[in-house]
Amino acid sequence: MNRLSGKKVVVIRTGALGDVLMILPFLQAVQSVQPECLHVVVEARQKELMQGFDCVDRAFAADDLQWW
């Protein structure tokens, strides 16, 4: 696979806990291609959980981004 040349990858997945956990294999695959650029946007209640996974560089709460 080709590296992403320092680009950041942002994965947006809001929903219930099970929905978010189901994307972990995908996040691990993305992290294996570009290990220092993976950001995720999740519901506020899952932000702390996502920060605990090694494959996630930074987690954001959707509410904090004020996209509404």
PDB file of N, CA and C in Angstrom:
ATOM      1  N   MET A   1       0.829  -1.185   0.000  1.00  0.00           N
ATOM      2  CA  MET A   1       0.000   0.000   0.000  1.00  0.00           C
ATOM      3  C   MET A   1       0.874   1.249   0.000  1.00  0.00           C
ATOM      4  N   ASN A   2       0.345   2.280  -0.588  1.00  0.00           N
ATOM      5  CA  ASN A   2       1.079   3.538  -0.636  1.00  0.00           C
ATOM      6  C   ASN A   2       0.822   4.348   0.611  1.00  0.00           C
ATOM      7  N   ARG A   3       1.837   5.027   1.060  1.00  0.00           N
ATOM      8  CA  ARG A   3       1.686   5.945   2.189  1.00  0.00           C
ATOM      9  C   ARG A   3       0.888   7.161   1.736  1.00  0.00           C
ATOM     10  N   LEU A   4       0.334   7.855   2.668  1.00  0.00           N
ATOM     11  CA  LEU A   4      -0.505   9.015   2.356  1.00  0.00           C
ATOM     12  C   LEU A   4       0.264  10.327   2.394  1.00  0.00           C
ATOM     13  N   SER A   5       1.563  10.284   2.426  1.00  0.00           N
ATOM     14  CA  SER A   5       2.426  11.459   2.353  1.00  0.00           C
ATOM     15  C   SER A   5       2.126  12.502   3.413  1.00  0.00           C
ATOM     16  N   GLY A   6       1.990  12.086   4.652  1.00  0.00           N
ATOM     17  CA  GLY A   6       1.784  13.031   5.739  1.00  0.00           C
ATOM     18  C   GLY A   6       0.378  13.587   5.848  1.00  0.00           C
ATOM     19  N   LYS A   7      -0.539  13.129   5.054  1.00  0.00           N
ATOM     20  CA  LYS A   7      -1.923  13.593   5.125  1.00  0.00           C
ATOM     21  C   LYS A   7      -2.606  13.017   6.352  1.00  0.00           C
ATOM     22  N   LYS A   8      -3.569  13.734   6.869  1.00  0.00           N
ATOM     23  CA  LYS A   8      -4.354  13.259   8.005  1.00  0.00           C
ATOM     24  C   LYS A   8      -5.619  12.578   7.502  1.00  0.00           C
ATOM     25  N   VAL A   9      -6.005  11.545   8.201  1.00  0.00           N
ATOM     26  CA  VAL A   9      -7.229  10.826   7.889  1.00  0.00           C
ATOM     27  C   VAL A   9      -8.205  11.077   9.030  1.00  0.00           C
ATOM     28  N   VAL A  10      -9.404  11.519   8.702  1.00  0.00           N
ATOM     29  CA  VAL A  10     -10.436  11.748   9.700  1.00  0.00           C
ATOM     30  C   VAL A  10     -11.589  10.796   9.407  1.00  0.00           C
ATOM     31  N   VAL A  11     -11.931   9.996  10.397  1.00  0.00           N
ATOM     32  CA  VAL A  11     -13.050   9.063  10.276  1.00  0.00           C
ATOM     33  C   VAL A  11     -14.164   9.578  11.173  1.00  0.00           C
ATOM     34  N   ILE A  12     -15.326   9.804  10.587  1.00  0.00           N
ATOM     35  CA  ILE A  12     -16.478  10.295  11.339  1.00  0.00           C
ATOM     36  C   ILE A  12     -17.446   9.135  11.496  1.00  0.00           C
ATOM     37  N   ARG A  13     -17.705   8.763  12.739  1.00  0.00           N
ATOM     38  CA  ARG A  13     -18.644   7.665  13.002  1.00  0.00           C
ATOM     39  C   ARG A  13     -19.411   7.978  14.266  1.00  0.00           C
ATOM     40  N   THR A  14     -20.570   8.534  14.105  1.00  0.00           N
ATOM     41  CA  THR A  14     -21.431   8.771  15.248  1.00  0.00           C
ATOM     42  C   THR A  14     -22.425   7.634  15.323  1.00  0.00           C
ATOM     43  N   GLY A  15     -22.883   7.357  16.479  1.00  0.00           N
ATOM     44  CA  GLY A  15     -23.833   6.272  16.675  1.00  0.00           C
ATOM     45  C   GLY A  15     -23.610   5.625  18.026  1.00  0.00           C
ATOM     46  N   ALA A  16     -24.227   4.482  18.203  1.00  0.00           N
ATOM     47  CA  ALA A  16     -24.140   3.769  19.470  1.00  0.00           C
ATOM     48  C   ALA A  16     -22.751   3.139  19.627  1.00  0.00           C
ATOM     49  N   LEU A  17     -22.465   2.704  20.830  1.00  0.00           N
ATOM     50  CA  LEU A  17     -21.164   2.121  21.153  1.00  0.00           C
ATOM     51  C   LEU A  17     -20.827   0.950  20.239  1.00  0.00           C
ATOM     52  N   GLY A  18     -21.752   0.066  19.994  1.00  0.00           N
ATOM     53  CA  GLY A  18     -21.496  -1.085  19.128  1.00  0.00           C
ATOM     54  C   GLY A  18     -21.129  -0.679  17.716  1.00  0.00           C
ATOM     55  N   ASP A  19     -21.791   0.360  17.196  1.00  0.00           N
ATOM     56  CA  ASP A  19     -21.485   0.856  15.856  1.00  0.00           C
ATOM     57  C   ASP A  19     -20.054   1.374  15.776  1.00  0.00           C
ATOM     58  N   VAL A  20     -19.637   2.066  16.812  1.00  0.00           N
ATOM     59  CA  VAL A  20     -18.287   2.627  16.840  1.00  0.00           C
ATOM     60  C   VAL A  20     -17.246   1.515  16.983  1.00  0.00           C
ATOM     61  N   LEU A  21     -17.511   0.553  17.838  1.00  0.00           N
ATOM     62  CA  LEU A  21     -16.551  -0.534  18.031  1.00  0.00           C
ATOM     63  C   LEU A  21     -16.406  -1.398  16.781  1.00  0.00           C
ATOM     64  N   MET A  22     -17.435  -1.476  15.968  1.00  0.00           N
ATOM     65  CA  MET A  22     -17.365  -2.279  14.747  1.00  0.00           C
ATOM     66  C   MET A  22     -16.372  -1.718  13.729  1.00  0.00           C
ATOM     67  N   ILE A  23     -15.996  -0.446  13.844  1.00  0.00           N
ATOM     68  CA  ILE A  23     -15.034   0.125  12.896  1.00  0.00           C
ATOM     69  C   ILE A  23     -13.586  -0.041  13.351  1.00  0.00           C
ATOM     70  N   LEU A  24     -13.362  -0.657  14.507  1.00  0.00           N
ATOM     71  CA  LEU A  24     -11.983  -0.819  14.987  1.00  0.00           C
ATOM     72  C   LEU A  24     -11.077  -1.560  14.006  1.00  0.00           C
ATOM     73  N   PRO A  25     -11.510  -2.647  13.378  1.00  0.00           N
ATOM     74  CA  PRO A  25     -10.626  -3.284  12.389  1.00  0.00           C
ATOM     75  C   PRO A  25     -10.263  -2.344  11.236  1.00  0.00           C
ATOM     76  N   PHE A  26     -11.222  -1.534  10.816  1.00  0.00           N
ATOM     77  CA  PHE A  26     -10.946  -0.544   9.772  1.00  0.00           C
ATOM     78  C   PHE A  26      -9.922   0.479  10.255  1.00  0.00           C
ATOM     79  N   LEU A  27     -10.092   0.979  11.473  1.00  0.00           N
ATOM     80  CA  LEU A  27      -9.157   1.959  12.019  1.00  0.00           C
ATOM     81  C   LEU A  27      -7.755   1.373  12.139  1.00  0.00           C
ATOM     82  N   GLN A  28      -7.642   0.119  12.535  1.00  0.00           N
ATOM     83  CA  GLN A  28      -6.340  -0.538  12.637  1.00  0.00           C
ATOM     84  C   GLN A  28      -5.691  -0.667  11.264  1.00  0.00           C
ATOM     85  N   ALA A  29      -6.481  -0.961  10.242  1.00  0.00           N
ATOM     86  CA  ALA A  29      -5.942  -1.056   8.887  1.00  0.00           C
ATOM     87  C   ALA A  29      -5.447   0.297   8.386  1.00  0.00           C
ATOM     88  N   VAL A  30      -6.209   1.348   8.642  1.00  0.00           N
ATOM     89  CA  VAL A  30      -5.790   2.694   8.238  1.00  0.00           C
ATOM     90  C   VAL A  30      -4.523   3.087   8.986  1.00  0.00           C
ATOM     91  N   GLN A  31      -4.466   2.800  10.263  1.00  0.00           N
ATOM     92  CA  GLN A  31      -3.296   3.145  11.070  1.00  0.00           C
ATOM     93  C   GLN A  31      -2.053   2.402  10.598  1.00  0.00           C
ATOM     94  N   SER A  32      -2.211   1.200  10.082  1.00  0.00           N
ATOM     95  CA  SER A  32      -1.048   0.453   9.598  1.00  0.00           C
ATOM     96  C   SER A  32      -0.467   1.075   8.332  1.00  0.00           C
ATOM     97  N   VAL A  33      -1.280   1.806   7.582  1.00  0.00           N
ATOM     98  CA  VAL A  33      -0.809   2.479   6.374  1.00  0.00           C
ATOM     99  C   VAL A  33      -0.202   3.837   6.708  1.00  0.00           C
ATOM    100  N   GLN A  34      -0.830   4.556   7.621  1.00  0.00           N
ATOM    101  CA  GLN A  34      -0.379   5.901   7.996  1.00  0.00           C
ATOM    102  C   GLN A  34      -0.467   6.027   9.512  1.00  0.00           C
ATOM    103  N   PRO A  35       0.572   5.616  10.229  1.00  0.00           N
ATOM    104  CA  PRO A  35       0.468   5.450  11.682  1.00  0.00           C
ATOM    105  C   PRO A  35       0.312   6.716  12.524  1.00  0.00           C
ATOM    106  N   GLU A  36       0.565   7.882  11.999  1.00  0.00           N
ATOM    107  CA  GLU A  36       0.539   9.059  12.866  1.00  0.00           C
ATOM    108  C   GLU A  36      -0.483  10.100  12.438  1.00  0.00           C
ATOM    109  N   CYS A  37      -1.549   9.679  11.804  1.00  0.00           N
ATOM    110  CA  CYS A  37      -2.448  10.711  11.285  1.00  0.00           C
ATOM    111  C   CYS A  37      -3.927  10.383  11.434  1.00  0.00           C
ATOM    112  N   LEU A  38      -4.277   9.408  12.221  1.00  0.00           N
ATOM    113  CA  LEU A  38      -5.671   8.970  12.272  1.00  0.00           C
ATOM    114  C   LEU A  38      -6.445   9.696  13.373  1.00  0.00           C
ATOM    115  N   HIS A  39      -7.449  10.449  12.959  1.00  0.00           N
ATOM    116  CA  HIS A  39      -8.334  11.146  13.877  1.00  0.00           C
ATOM    117  C   HIS A  39      -9.732  10.575  13.704  1.00  0.00           C
ATOM    118  N   VAL A  40     -10.469  10.482  14.787  1.00  0.00           N
ATOM    119  CA  VAL A  40     -11.850  10.006  14.720  1.00  0.00           C
ATOM    120  C   VAL A  40     -12.778  11.015  15.376  1.00  0.00           C
ATOM    121  N   VAL A  41     -13.974  11.101  14.836  1.00  0.00           N
ATOM    122  CA  VAL A  41     -15.027  11.938  15.401  1.00  0.00           C
ATOM    123  C   VAL A  41     -16.156  10.991  15.805  1.00  0.00           C
ATOM    124  N   VAL A  42     -16.486  11.004  17.083  1.00  0.00           N
ATOM    125  CA  VAL A  42     -17.506  10.108  17.629  1.00  0.00           C
ATOM    126  C   VAL A  42     -18.423  10.906  18.555  1.00  0.00           C
ATOM    127  N   GLU A  43     -19.444  10.243  19.058  1.00  0.00           N
ATOM    128  CA  GLU A  43     -20.315  10.861  20.059  1.00  0.00           C
ATOM    129  C   GLU A  43     -19.492  11.171  21.312  1.00  0.00           C
ATOM    130  N   ALA A  44     -19.896  12.158  22.069  1.00  0.00           N
ATOM    131  CA  ALA A  44     -19.140  12.594  23.246  1.00  0.00           C
ATOM    132  C   ALA A  44     -18.907  11.460  24.242  1.00  0.00           C
ATOM    133  N   ARG A  45     -19.883  10.597  24.403  1.00  0.00           N
ATOM    134  CA  ARG A  45     -19.749   9.533  25.395  1.00  0.00           C
ATOM    135  C   ARG A  45     -18.739   8.458  24.985  1.00  0.00           C
ATOM    136  N   GLN A  46     -18.303   8.449  23.720  1.00  0.00           N
ATOM    137  CA  GLN A  46     -17.314   7.469  23.276  1.00  0.00           C
ATOM    138  C   GLN A  46     -15.926   8.056  23.049  1.00  0.00           C
ATOM    139  N   LYS A  47     -15.779   9.337  23.231  1.00  0.00           N
ATOM    140  CA  LYS A  47     -14.503   9.996  22.958  1.00  0.00           C
ATOM    141  C   LYS A  47     -13.379   9.427  23.820  1.00  0.00           C
ATOM    142  N   GLU A  48     -13.586   9.331  25.106  1.00  0.00           N
ATOM    143  CA  GLU A  48     -12.545   8.834  26.005  1.00  0.00           C
ATOM    144  C   GLU A  48     -12.177   7.387  25.670  1.00  0.00           C
ATOM    145  N   LEU A  49     -13.163   6.576  25.355  1.00  0.00           N
ATOM    146  CA  LEU A  49     -12.909   5.185  24.977  1.00  0.00           C
ATOM    147  C   LEU A  49     -12.022   5.117  23.737  1.00  0.00           C
ATOM    148  N   MET A  50     -12.345   5.893  22.719  1.00  0.00           N
ATOM    149  CA  MET A  50     -11.579   5.854  21.474  1.00  0.00           C
ATOM    150  C   MET A  50     -10.148   6.336  21.661  1.00  0.00           C
ATOM    151  N   GLN A  51      -9.933   7.257  22.589  1.00  0.00           N
ATOM    152  CA  GLN A  51      -8.579   7.733  22.850  1.00  0.00           C
ATOM    153  C   GLN A  51      -7.705   6.643  23.458  1.00  0.00           C
ATOM    154  N   GLY A  52      -8.317   5.611  24.007  1.00  0.00           N
ATOM    155  CA  GLY A  52      -7.564   4.523  24.613  1.00  0.00           C
ATOM    156  C   GLY A  52      -7.027   3.498  23.620  1.00  0.00           C
ATOM    157  N   PHE A  53      -7.447   3.562  22.367  1.00  0.00           N
ATOM    158  CA  PHE A  53      -6.979   2.603  21.367  1.00  0.00           C
ATOM    159  C   PHE A  53      -5.714   3.123  20.700  1.00  0.00           C
ATOM    160  N   ASP A  54      -4.729   2.251  20.562  1.00  0.00           N
ATOM    161  CA  ASP A  54      -3.449   2.630  19.964  1.00  0.00           C
ATOM    162  C   ASP A  54      -3.572   3.088  18.519  1.00  0.00           C
ATOM    163  N   CYS A  55      -4.582   2.603  17.813  1.00  0.00           N
ATOM    164  CA  CYS A  55      -4.723   2.943  16.405  1.00  0.00           C
ATOM    165  C   CYS A  55      -5.272   4.357  16.187  1.00  0.00           C
ATOM    166  N   VAL A  56      -5.755   4.999  17.228  1.00  0.00           N
ATOM    167  CA  VAL A  56      -6.344   6.339  17.117  1.00  0.00           C
ATOM    168  C   VAL A  56      -5.354   7.378  17.626  1.00  0.00           C
ATOM    169  N   ASP A  57      -5.007   8.312  16.759  1.00  0.00           N
ATOM    170  CA  ASP A  57      -4.086   9.377  17.140  1.00  0.00           C
ATOM    171  C   ASP A  57      -4.788  10.415  18.007  1.00  0.00           C
ATOM    172  N   ARG A  58      -6.003  10.783  17.624  1.00  0.00           N
ATOM    173  CA  ARG A  58      -6.758  11.786  18.374  1.00  0.00           C
ATOM    174  C   ARG A  58      -8.242  11.562  18.152  1.00  0.00           C
ATOM    175  N   ALA A  59      -9.016  11.713  19.209  1.00  0.00           N
ATOM    176  CA  ALA A  59     -10.468  11.559  19.120  1.00  0.00           C
ATOM    177  C   ALA A  59     -11.140  12.891  19.438  1.00  0.00           C
ATOM    178  N   PHE A  60     -12.192  13.174  18.700  1.00  0.00           N
ATOM    179  CA  PHE A  60     -12.977  14.386  18.902  1.00  0.00           C
ATOM    180  C   PHE A  60     -14.421  13.998  19.151  1.00  0.00           C
ATOM    181  N   ALA A  61     -15.101  14.770  19.960  1.00  0.00           N
ATOM    182  CA  ALA A  61     -16.541  14.601  20.144  1.00  0.00           C
ATOM    183  C   ALA A  61     -17.247  15.447  19.093  1.00  0.00           C
ATOM    184  N   ALA A  62     -18.225  14.861  18.439  1.00  0.00           N
ATOM    185  CA  ALA A  62     -18.951  15.578  17.388  1.00  0.00           C
ATOM    186  C   ALA A  62     -19.552  16.877  17.914  1.00  0.00           C
ATOM    187  N   ASP A  63     -20.046  16.863  19.133  1.00  0.00           N
ATOM    188  CA  ASP A  63     -20.652  18.071  19.713  1.00  0.00           C
ATOM    189  C   ASP A  63     -19.622  19.181  19.900  1.00  0.00           C
ATOM    190  N   ASP A  64     -18.394  18.823  20.223  1.00  0.00           N
ATOM    191  CA  ASP A  64     -17.351  19.829  20.447  1.00  0.00           C
ATOM    192  C   ASP A  64     -16.961  20.555  19.156  1.00  0.00           C
ATOM    193  N   LEU A  65     -17.148  19.923  18.026  1.00  0.00           N
ATOM    194  CA  LEU A  65     -16.771  20.532  16.759  1.00  0.00           C
ATOM    195  C   LEU A  65     -17.793  21.546  16.276  1.00  0.00           C
ATOM    196  N   GLN A  66     -18.972  21.539  16.860  1.00  0.00           N
ATOM    197  CA  GLN A  66     -20.036  22.495  16.547  1.00  0.00           C
ATOM    198  C   GLN A  66     -20.335  22.582  15.054  1.00  0.00           C
ATOM    199  N   TRP A  67     -20.530  21.416  14.434  1.00  0.00           N
ATOM    200  CA  TRP A  67     -20.852  21.365  13.004  1.00  0.00           C
ATOM    201  C   TRP A  67     -22.320  21.641  12.737  1.00  0.00           C
ATOM    202  N   TRP A  68     -23.101  21.774  13.781  1.00  0.00           N
ATOM    203  CA  TRP A  68     -24.513  22.033  13.589  1.00  0.00           C
ATOM    204  C   TRP A  68     -24.672  23.464  13.242  1.00  0.00           C
TER     205      TRP A  68
END
